[in-house]
């Protein structure tokens, strides 16, 4: 079965398409969604079957950190343990093209976190489409970058994405051709930030 293909305006998302996309997500759909760094595979936080489908598409192992895409820091703090110093750093640098690796709270299902470290990736992205989707959903999305097995870069052309995995997902949101630059990854170890990967977000605020 072919995926629903919705071309959504990157600056002025059509409300009817946003509602349609959210309906598919709520019904257990696996979706390809544009973010401020690249396209991502996403699903509902509580949907185990959708998550297993993402694992199969990406061939992800147990060491992988899934990322929760959140609207704002208040939502983020429900799922991650954030001290005052970390909160200030995050507040000054969100929304943006960062992934923060933080200790997970009990609200995070075990299948979503790094099994050894008990951490979770968190994002507060910038972009009209993803912001509209999160506002309509009123809850975070589980995500991972759309990097196919044995490839180094995320797929960035929605037509190409449709050709390659249109039969494996339920929705592709076409937000145009994106950069395939990844997010900048910051891991907090006992409150101290460590830059693990430099990408779209400026890493300089996180160097001690």
C-alpha atoms as a PDB file:
ATOM      1  CA  UNK A   1       0.000   0.000   0.000  1.00  0.00           C
ATOM      2  CA  UNK A   2       1.386   3.400  -0.994  1.00  0.00           C
ATOM      3  CA  UNK A   3       1.979   6.130   1.565  1.00  0.00           C
ATOM      4  CA  UNK A   4      -0.215   9.207   1.725  1.00  0.00           C
ATOM      5  CA  UNK A   5       1.861  12.007   0.135  1.00  0.00           C
ATOM      6  CA  UNK A   6       1.008  15.481   1.469  1.00  0.00           C
ATOM      7  CA  UNK A   7       2.719  18.543   0.028  1.00  0.00           C
ATOM      8  CA  UNK A   8       2.586  21.068   2.878  1.00  0.00           C
ATOM      9  CA  UNK A   9       3.708  24.667   2.444  1.00  0.00           C
ATOM     10  CA  UNK A  10       6.967  25.132   4.414  1.00  0.00           C
ATOM     11  CA  UNK A  11       6.053  28.634   5.608  1.00  0.00           C
ATOM     12  CA  UNK A  12       2.242  28.549   5.759  1.00  0.00           C
ATOM     13  CA  UNK A  13       1.166  24.945   6.459  1.00  0.00           C
ATOM     14  CA  UNK A  14      -2.376  24.207   5.281  1.00  0.00           C
ATOM     15  CA  UNK A  15      -4.478  23.398   8.402  1.00  0.00           C
ATOM     16  CA  UNK A  16      -6.435  20.625   6.634  1.00  0.00           C
ATOM     17  CA  UNK A  17      -3.193  18.832   5.740  1.00  0.00           C
ATOM     18  CA  UNK A  18      -1.824  19.227   9.273  1.00  0.00           C
ATOM     19  CA  UNK A  19      -5.036  17.683  10.663  1.00  0.00           C
ATOM     20  CA  UNK A  20      -4.857  14.849   8.119  1.00  0.00           C
ATOM     21  CA  UNK A  21      -1.225  14.109   9.020  1.00  0.00           C
ATOM     22  CA  UNK A  22      -2.016  14.079  12.743  1.00  0.00           C
ATOM     23  CA  UNK A  23      -4.954  11.738  12.156  1.00  0.00           C
ATOM     24  CA  UNK A  24      -2.591   9.252  10.482  1.00  0.00           C
ATOM     25  CA  UNK A  25      -0.078   9.565  13.344  1.00  0.00           C
ATOM     26  CA  UNK A  26      -2.777   9.043  16.009  1.00  0.00           C
ATOM     27  CA  UNK A  27      -3.989   5.942  14.158  1.00  0.00           C
ATOM     28  CA  UNK A  28      -0.576   4.285  14.439  1.00  0.00           C
ATOM     29  CA  UNK A  29       1.033   5.534  11.256  1.00  0.00           C
ATOM     30  CA  UNK A  30       4.750   5.646  10.526  1.00  0.00           C
ATOM     31  CA  UNK A  31       5.475   9.031   8.989  1.00  0.00           C
ATOM     32  CA  UNK A  32       8.260  10.892   7.225  1.00  0.00           C
ATOM     33  CA  UNK A  33       8.312  14.495   8.439  1.00  0.00           C
ATOM     34  CA  UNK A  34      10.566  17.484   7.623  1.00  0.00           C
ATOM     35  CA  UNK A  35      12.485  19.056  10.520  1.00  0.00           C
ATOM     36  CA  UNK A  36      15.001  21.890  10.722  1.00  0.00           C
ATOM     37  CA  UNK A  37      17.871  19.516   9.929  1.00  0.00           C
ATOM     38  CA  UNK A  38      16.589  16.719   7.676  1.00  0.00           C
ATOM     39  CA  UNK A  39      13.660  14.379   7.148  1.00  0.00           C
ATOM     40  CA  UNK A  40      12.856  12.090  10.078  1.00  0.00           C
ATOM     41  CA  UNK A  41      10.908   8.896  10.596  1.00  0.00           C
ATOM     42  CA  UNK A  42       8.299   9.579  13.275  1.00  0.00           C
ATOM     43  CA  UNK A  43       5.465   7.921  15.145  1.00  0.00           C
ATOM     44  CA  UNK A  44       3.244   8.304  18.188  1.00  0.00           C
ATOM     45  CA  UNK A  45       5.102   8.036  21.515  1.00  0.00           C
ATOM     46  CA  UNK A  46       3.023   5.159  22.833  1.00  0.00           C
ATOM     47  CA  UNK A  47       2.769   3.090  19.654  1.00  0.00           C
ATOM     48  CA  UNK A  48       4.991   0.017  20.013  1.00  0.00           C
ATOM     49  CA  UNK A  49       4.074  -1.477  16.625  1.00  0.00           C
ATOM     50  CA  UNK A  50       4.874   1.731  14.741  1.00  0.00           C
ATOM     51  CA  UNK A  51       8.208   1.937  16.559  1.00  0.00           C
ATOM     52  CA  UNK A  52       9.050  -1.651  15.555  1.00  0.00           C
ATOM     53  CA  UNK A  53       8.367  -0.733  11.930  1.00  0.00           C
ATOM     54  CA  UNK A  54      10.811   2.190  12.198  1.00  0.00           C
ATOM     55  CA  UNK A  55      13.405  -0.151  13.728  1.00  0.00           C
ATOM     56  CA  UNK A  56      12.944  -2.517  10.764  1.00  0.00           C
ATOM     57  CA  UNK A  57      13.256   0.288   8.158  1.00  0.00           C
ATOM     58  CA  UNK A  58      16.413   1.701   9.751  1.00  0.00           C
ATOM     59  CA  UNK A  59      17.798  -1.650  11.027  1.00  0.00           C
ATOM     60  CA  UNK A  60      18.432  -0.036  14.411  1.00  0.00           C
ATOM     61  CA  UNK A  61      20.204  -1.880  17.232  1.00  0.00           C
ATOM     62  CA  UNK A  62      19.536  -1.672  20.981  1.00  0.00           C
ATOM     63  CA  UNK A  63      22.244   0.970  21.496  1.00  0.00           C
ATOM     64  CA  UNK A  64      20.361   3.514  19.409  1.00  0.00           C
ATOM     65  CA  UNK A  65      19.025   6.630  21.122  1.00  0.00           C
ATOM     66  CA  UNK A  66      15.592   7.487  19.805  1.00  0.00           C
ATOM     67  CA  UNK A  67      14.698  11.156  19.945  1.00  0.00           C
ATOM     68  CA  UNK A  68      11.584  12.745  21.372  1.00  0.00           C
ATOM     69  CA  UNK A  69      10.572  15.806  19.349  1.00  0.00           C
ATOM     70  CA  UNK A  70       8.910  18.266  21.728  1.00  0.00           C
ATOM     71  CA  UNK A  71       7.111  21.579  21.311  1.00  0.00           C
ATOM     72  CA  UNK A  72       8.916  23.302  24.164  1.00  0.00           C
ATOM     73  CA  UNK A  73      11.015  22.804  27.271  1.00  0.00           C
ATOM     74  CA  UNK A  74       8.033  22.209  29.564  1.00  0.00           C
ATOM     75  CA  UNK A  75       7.188  19.135  27.506  1.00  0.00           C
ATOM     76  CA  UNK A  76      10.840  18.114  27.434  1.00  0.00           C
ATOM     77  CA  UNK A  77      11.149  18.187  31.229  1.00  0.00           C
ATOM     78  CA  UNK A  78       8.394  15.562  31.543  1.00  0.00           C
ATOM     79  CA  UNK A  79      10.617  13.005  29.822  1.00  0.00           C
ATOM     80  CA  UNK A  80      14.158  14.082  30.801  1.00  0.00           C
ATOM     81  CA  UNK A  81      15.904  14.987  34.031  1.00  0.00           C
ATOM     82  CA  UNK A  82      17.089  18.553  33.601  1.00  0.00           C
ATOM     83  CA  UNK A  83      18.870  20.574  36.285  1.00  0.00           C
ATOM     84  CA  UNK A  84      18.854  24.372  36.510  1.00  0.00           C
ATOM     85  CA  UNK A  85      22.169  24.839  34.683  1.00  0.00           C
ATOM     86  CA  UNK A  86      21.159  22.514  31.832  1.00  0.00           C
ATOM     87  CA  UNK A  87      17.736  24.155  31.613  1.00  0.00           C
ATOM     88  CA  UNK A  88      19.307  27.597  31.120  1.00  0.00           C
ATOM     89  CA  UNK A  89      21.555  26.287  28.351  1.00  0.00           C
ATOM     90  CA  UNK A  90      18.650  24.554  26.646  1.00  0.00           C
ATOM     91  CA  UNK A  91      16.400  27.583  26.979  1.00  0.00           C
ATOM     92  CA  UNK A  92      19.003  29.822  25.334  1.00  0.00           C
ATOM     93  CA  UNK A  93      19.480  27.433  22.403  1.00  0.00           C
ATOM     94  CA  UNK A  94      16.011  26.168  21.544  1.00  0.00           C
ATOM     95  CA  UNK A  95      14.277  25.865  19.214  1.00  0.00           C
ATOM     96  CA  UNK A  96      17.113  24.812  16.956  1.00  0.00           C
ATOM     97  CA  UNK A  97      18.967  22.027  15.160  1.00  0.00           C
ATOM     98  CA  UNK A  98      20.203  20.268  18.297  1.00  0.00           C
ATOM     99  CA  UNK A  99      19.672  16.831  19.795  1.00  0.00           C
ATOM    100  CA  UNK A 100      20.228  16.702  23.552  1.00  0.00           C
ATOM    101  CA  UNK A 101      21.063  13.366  25.174  1.00  0.00           C
ATOM    102  CA  UNK A 102      19.682  13.497  28.712  1.00  0.00           C
ATOM    103  CA  UNK A 103      18.888  11.081  31.562  1.00  0.00           C
ATOM    104  CA  UNK A 104      15.380   9.704  31.003  1.00  0.00           C
ATOM    105  CA  UNK A 105      12.556   9.995  33.530  1.00  0.00           C
ATOM    106  CA  UNK A 106      10.161   7.171  34.401  1.00  0.00           C
ATOM    107  CA  UNK A 107       7.730   8.597  31.837  1.00  0.00           C
ATOM    108  CA  UNK A 108       9.914   7.250  29.020  1.00  0.00           C
ATOM    109  CA  UNK A 109       9.119   3.668  27.917  1.00  0.00           C
ATOM    110  CA  UNK A 110      12.212   1.461  28.205  1.00  0.00           C
ATOM    111  CA  UNK A 111      12.074   0.570  24.513  1.00  0.00           C
ATOM    112  CA  UNK A 112      12.791   4.222  23.639  1.00  0.00           C
ATOM    113  CA  UNK A 113      15.915   4.780  25.706  1.00  0.00           C
ATOM    114  CA  UNK A 114      19.520   3.703  25.423  1.00  0.00           C
ATOM    115  CA  UNK A 115      19.437   0.399  27.310  1.00  0.00           C
ATOM    116  CA  UNK A 116      22.839   0.808  28.990  1.00  0.00           C
ATOM    117  CA  UNK A 117      22.857   4.513  29.829  1.00  0.00           C
ATOM    118  CA  UNK A 118      19.102   4.976  30.324  1.00  0.00           C
ATOM    119  CA  UNK A 119      19.223   8.168  28.311  1.00  0.00           C
ATOM    120  CA  UNK A 120      16.869   9.684  25.743  1.00  0.00           C
ATOM    121  CA  UNK A 121      17.451  12.078  22.867  1.00  0.00           C
ATOM    122  CA  UNK A 122      15.378  15.260  23.027  1.00  0.00           C
ATOM    123  CA  UNK A 123      14.706  17.928  20.384  1.00  0.00           C
ATOM    124  CA  UNK A 124      12.832  21.221  20.219  1.00  0.00           C
ATOM    125  CA  UNK A 125      13.019  21.912  16.466  1.00  0.00           C
ATOM    126  CA  UNK A 126      12.291  25.037  14.489  1.00  0.00           C
ATOM    127  CA  UNK A 127      10.097  25.039  11.391  1.00  0.00           C
ATOM    128  CA  UNK A 128       6.509  25.851  10.516  1.00  0.00           C
ATOM    129  CA  UNK A 129       5.479  22.318   9.530  1.00  0.00           C
ATOM    130  CA  UNK A 130       6.897  20.458  12.518  1.00  0.00           C
ATOM    131  CA  UNK A 131       5.702  23.170  14.915  1.00  0.00           C
ATOM    132  CA  UNK A 132       2.156  22.992  13.494  1.00  0.00           C
ATOM    133  CA  UNK A 133       2.123  19.192  13.750  1.00  0.00           C
ATOM    134  CA  UNK A 134       3.296  19.214  17.371  1.00  0.00           C
ATOM    135  CA  UNK A 135       0.750  21.882  18.293  1.00  0.00           C
ATOM    136  CA  UNK A 136      -2.088  19.874  16.727  1.00  0.00           C
ATOM    137  CA  UNK A 137      -0.929  16.587  18.282  1.00  0.00           C
ATOM    138  CA  UNK A 138      -0.450  18.161  21.725  1.00  0.00           C
ATOM    139  CA  UNK A 139       2.219  15.567  22.556  1.00  0.00           C
ATOM    140  CA  UNK A 140       5.770  14.696  21.464  1.00  0.00           C
ATOM    141  CA  UNK A 141       6.752  12.495  18.541  1.00  0.00           C
ATOM    142  CA  UNK A 142       9.254   9.658  18.590  1.00  0.00           C
ATOM    143  CA  UNK A 143      11.760  10.150  15.794  1.00  0.00           C
ATOM    144  CA  UNK A 144      15.028   9.167  14.200  1.00  0.00           C
ATOM    145  CA  UNK A 145      16.808  10.629  11.185  1.00  0.00           C
ATOM    146  CA  UNK A 146      15.896   9.073   7.850  1.00  0.00           C
ATOM    147  CA  UNK A 147      19.312   7.555   7.218  1.00  0.00           C
ATOM    148  CA  UNK A 148      18.964   4.248   5.432  1.00  0.00           C
ATOM    149  CA  UNK A 149      21.105   1.209   6.373  1.00  0.00           C
ATOM    150  CA  UNK A 150      24.725   1.439   5.154  1.00  0.00           C
ATOM    151  CA  UNK A 151      24.274   5.084   4.151  1.00  0.00           C
ATOM    152  CA  UNK A 152      25.869   8.133   5.758  1.00  0.00           C
ATOM    153  CA  UNK A 153      23.393  10.901   5.041  1.00  0.00           C
ATOM    154  CA  UNK A 154      19.674  11.412   5.580  1.00  0.00           C
ATOM    155  CA  UNK A 155      17.388  11.277   2.560  1.00  0.00           C
ATOM    156  CA  UNK A 156      16.430  14.847   1.706  1.00  0.00           C
ATOM    157  CA  UNK A 157      14.212  14.690  -1.409  1.00  0.00           C
ATOM    158  CA  UNK A 158      10.575  13.694  -0.722  1.00  0.00           C
ATOM    159  CA  UNK A 159      10.112  12.266  -4.225  1.00  0.00           C
ATOM    160  CA  UNK A 160      13.166  10.036  -3.743  1.00  0.00           C
ATOM    161  CA  UNK A 161      11.895   9.083  -0.269  1.00  0.00           C
ATOM    162  CA  UNK A 162       8.554   8.082  -1.764  1.00  0.00           C
ATOM    163  CA  UNK A 163      10.271   5.975  -4.438  1.00  0.00           C
ATOM    164  CA  UNK A 164      12.445   4.186  -1.888  1.00  0.00           C
ATOM    165  CA  UNK A 165      10.204   3.636   1.148  1.00  0.00           C
ATOM    166  CA  UNK A 166       6.736   4.765   0.095  1.00  0.00           C
ATOM    167  CA  UNK A 167       5.471   1.189   0.515  1.00  0.00           C
ATOM    168  CA  UNK A 168       6.925   0.929   4.054  1.00  0.00           C
ATOM    169  CA  UNK A 169       5.411   4.049   5.657  1.00  0.00           C
ATOM    170  CA  UNK A 170       1.917   5.499   5.939  1.00  0.00           C
ATOM    171  CA  UNK A 171       2.628   9.183   5.345  1.00  0.00           C
ATOM    172  CA  UNK A 172       5.257  11.325   3.648  1.00  0.00           C
ATOM    173  CA  UNK A 173       5.023  15.039   4.368  1.00  0.00           C
ATOM    174  CA  UNK A 174       6.604  16.877   1.457  1.00  0.00           C
ATOM    175  CA  UNK A 175       8.222  20.042   2.793  1.00  0.00           C
ATOM    176  CA  UNK A 176      10.550  20.467  -0.180  1.00  0.00           C
ATOM    177  CA  UNK A 177      14.149  19.377  -0.631  1.00  0.00           C
ATOM    178  CA  UNK A 178      16.014  19.853   2.650  1.00  0.00           C
ATOM    179  CA  UNK A 179      19.625  20.005   3.703  1.00  0.00           C
ATOM    180  CA  UNK A 180      20.837  16.603   4.842  1.00  0.00           C
ATOM    181  CA  UNK A 181      23.015  18.168   7.531  1.00  0.00           C
ATOM    182  CA  UNK A 182      22.392  16.389  10.843  1.00  0.00           C
ATOM    183  CA  UNK A 183      21.674  18.018  14.176  1.00  0.00           C
ATOM    184  CA  UNK A 184      24.425  18.977  16.580  1.00  0.00           C
ATOM    185  CA  UNK A 185      24.386  16.364  19.355  1.00  0.00           C
ATOM    186  CA  UNK A 186      25.024  17.443  22.945  1.00  0.00           C
ATOM    187  CA  UNK A 187      25.211  14.847  25.701  1.00  0.00           C
ATOM    188  CA  UNK A 188      24.848  15.930  29.309  1.00  0.00           C
ATOM    189  CA  UNK A 189      26.914  13.801  31.696  1.00  0.00           C
ATOM    190  CA  UNK A 190      26.137  14.723  35.326  1.00  0.00           C
ATOM    191  CA  UNK A 191      25.057  18.158  34.157  1.00  0.00           C
ATOM    192  CA  UNK A 192      28.157  18.834  32.049  1.00  0.00           C
ATOM    193  CA  UNK A 193      27.575  19.272  28.289  1.00  0.00           C
ATOM    194  CA  UNK A 194      29.723  17.319  25.848  1.00  0.00           C
ATOM    195  CA  UNK A 195      29.576  18.001  22.103  1.00  0.00           C
ATOM    196  CA  UNK A 196      29.306  14.556  20.479  1.00  0.00           C
ATOM    197  CA  UNK A 197      28.629  15.655  16.893  1.00  0.00           C
ATOM    198  CA  UNK A 198      28.754  19.027  15.144  1.00  0.00           C
ATOM    199  CA  UNK A 199      25.889  19.630  12.724  1.00  0.00           C
ATOM    200  CA  UNK A 200      23.321  22.333  12.057  1.00  0.00           C
ATOM    201  CA  UNK A 201      23.293  23.901  15.524  1.00  0.00           C
ATOM    202  CA  UNK A 202      26.126  26.184  16.686  1.00  0.00           C
ATOM    203  CA  UNK A 203      28.129  24.095  19.187  1.00  0.00           C
ATOM    204  CA  UNK A 204      30.049  26.999  20.750  1.00  0.00           C
ATOM    205  CA  UNK A 205      27.626  27.635  23.695  1.00  0.00           C
ATOM    206  CA  UNK A 206      28.244  24.069  24.900  1.00  0.00           C
ATOM    207  CA  UNK A 207      32.020  24.083  25.083  1.00  0.00           C
ATOM    208  CA  UNK A 208      33.169  24.524  28.677  1.00  0.00           C
END
